[in-house]
Amino acid sequence: MKVIMKNIDVIAWFEQTKGPIPLKFRIKNKDESQTIIKIDKICFQKKEKLAGNPMIIFTCQSLINNVLTKYEIRYEINTCKWYLYKI
């Protein structure tokens, strides 16, 4: 997987006991078009600190262009921002 760390827009379900559960996200391409990716499966979830900022890390997989792809998205708790970290 390649580290890219790009801001993304996410639709997520929030539960009081579990926190956010991402459902799908939108990312801007190099040509300024946008791609929407539905999260098919959350394989793993953990909490971690990156540069002192607490984050929830999701390892997910989706069918992107008819290829099963694993990637990592991160939710920064203090700023409520989502990032596509690795793909």
Protein backbone atom coordinates (compact mmCIF):
# COMPACT_ATOMS: atom_id res chain seq x y z
CA MET A 1 0.00 0.00 0.00
CA LYS A 2 1.15 3.51 -0.81
CA VAL A 3 0.84 6.37 1.73
CA ILE A 4 -1.11 9.30 0.26
CA MET A 5 -2.77 11.10 3.26
CA LYS A 6 -5.55 12.96 1.37
CA ASN A 7 -8.59 14.68 2.90
CA ILE A 8 -11.83 12.87 2.10
CA ASP A 9 -15.53 13.47 2.69
CA VAL A 10 -17.13 10.56 4.57
CA ILE A 11 -20.66 9.46 5.33
CA ALA A 12 -20.51 7.63 8.64
CA TRP A 13 -22.82 6.12 11.21
CA PHE A 14 -22.07 7.19 14.79
CA GLU A 15 -22.90 5.01 17.79
CA GLN A 16 -22.44 6.04 21.42
CA THR A 17 -20.50 2.93 22.39
CA LYS A 18 -18.49 2.26 19.22
CA GLY A 19 -17.86 5.71 17.73
CA PRO A 20 -17.91 6.35 13.96
CA ILE A 21 -18.54 3.60 11.42
CA PRO A 22 -17.70 4.79 7.87
CA LEU A 23 -20.14 3.79 5.11
CA LYS A 24 -18.76 5.51 1.99
CA PHE A 25 -16.41 8.32 1.04
CA ARG A 26 -15.72 10.80 -1.75
CA ILE A 27 -12.24 11.67 -2.99
CA LYS A 28 -11.07 14.25 -5.53
CA ASN A 29 -9.03 12.94 -8.43
CA LYS A 30 -6.09 14.73 -10.04
CA ASP A 31 -8.34 16.07 -12.81
CA GLU A 32 -10.69 17.63 -10.18
CA SER A 33 -13.38 15.00 -10.78
CA GLN A 34 -14.75 13.12 -7.79
CA THR A 35 -15.03 9.41 -7.08
CA ILE A 36 -17.42 7.88 -4.55
CA ILE A 37 -16.32 4.61 -2.97
CA LYS A 38 -18.67 2.43 -0.92
CA ILE A 39 -16.94 0.66 1.96
CA ASP A 40 -17.79 -3.01 1.56
CA LYS A 41 -16.02 -4.33 4.66
CA ILE A 42 -14.17 -2.94 7.68
CA CYS A 43 -11.46 -5.52 8.30
CA PHE A 44 -9.82 -3.95 11.35
CA GLN A 45 -10.23 -0.93 13.62
CA LYS A 46 -7.85 0.50 16.24
CA LYS A 47 -7.03 3.72 18.08
CA GLU A 48 -3.61 5.34 17.75
CA LYS A 49 -1.84 8.67 18.19
CA LEU A 50 -0.20 10.31 15.17
CA ALA A 51 1.96 13.32 16.08
CA GLY A 52 0.07 13.56 19.38
CA ASN A 53 -3.37 13.56 17.72
CA PRO A 54 -5.68 10.68 18.69
CA MET A 55 -7.04 8.87 15.63
CA ILE A 56 -9.24 5.92 14.83
CA ILE A 57 -7.72 3.83 12.06
CA PHE A 58 -9.91 1.68 9.80
CA THR A 59 -8.49 -0.96 7.48
CA CYS A 60 -11.18 -1.49 4.85
CA GLN A 61 -11.77 -3.18 1.53
CA SER A 62 -13.93 -2.28 -1.44
CA LEU A 63 -14.46 -3.25 -5.03
CA ILE A 64 -12.82 -0.40 -6.98
CA ASN A 65 -12.84 -0.67 -10.79
CA ASN A 66 -13.74 -4.38 -10.45
CA VAL A 67 -10.65 -5.02 -8.29
CA LEU A 68 -10.88 -5.92 -4.60
CA THR A 69 -8.73 -3.22 -2.95
CA LYS A 70 -7.56 -2.84 0.66
CA TYR A 71 -6.97 0.65 2.02
CA GLU A 72 -6.69 2.55 5.28
CA ILE A 73 -8.76 5.55 6.32
CA ARG A 74 -8.22 7.59 9.47
CA TYR A 75 -10.55 9.70 11.59
CA GLU A 76 -8.88 12.48 13.58
CA ILE A 77 -10.93 12.75 16.78
CA ASN A 78 -10.00 16.33 17.83
CA THR A 79 -10.74 17.95 14.44
CA CYS A 80 -13.38 15.47 13.14
CA LYS A 81 -11.47 15.14 9.83
CA TRP A 82 -11.20 12.03 7.68
CA TYR A 83 -8.14 11.02 5.64
CA LEU A 84 -7.43 8.35 3.06
CA TYR A 85 -4.06 7.31 4.44
CA LYS A 86 -2.97 4.28 2.39
CA ILE A 87 -4.21 2.59 -0.74
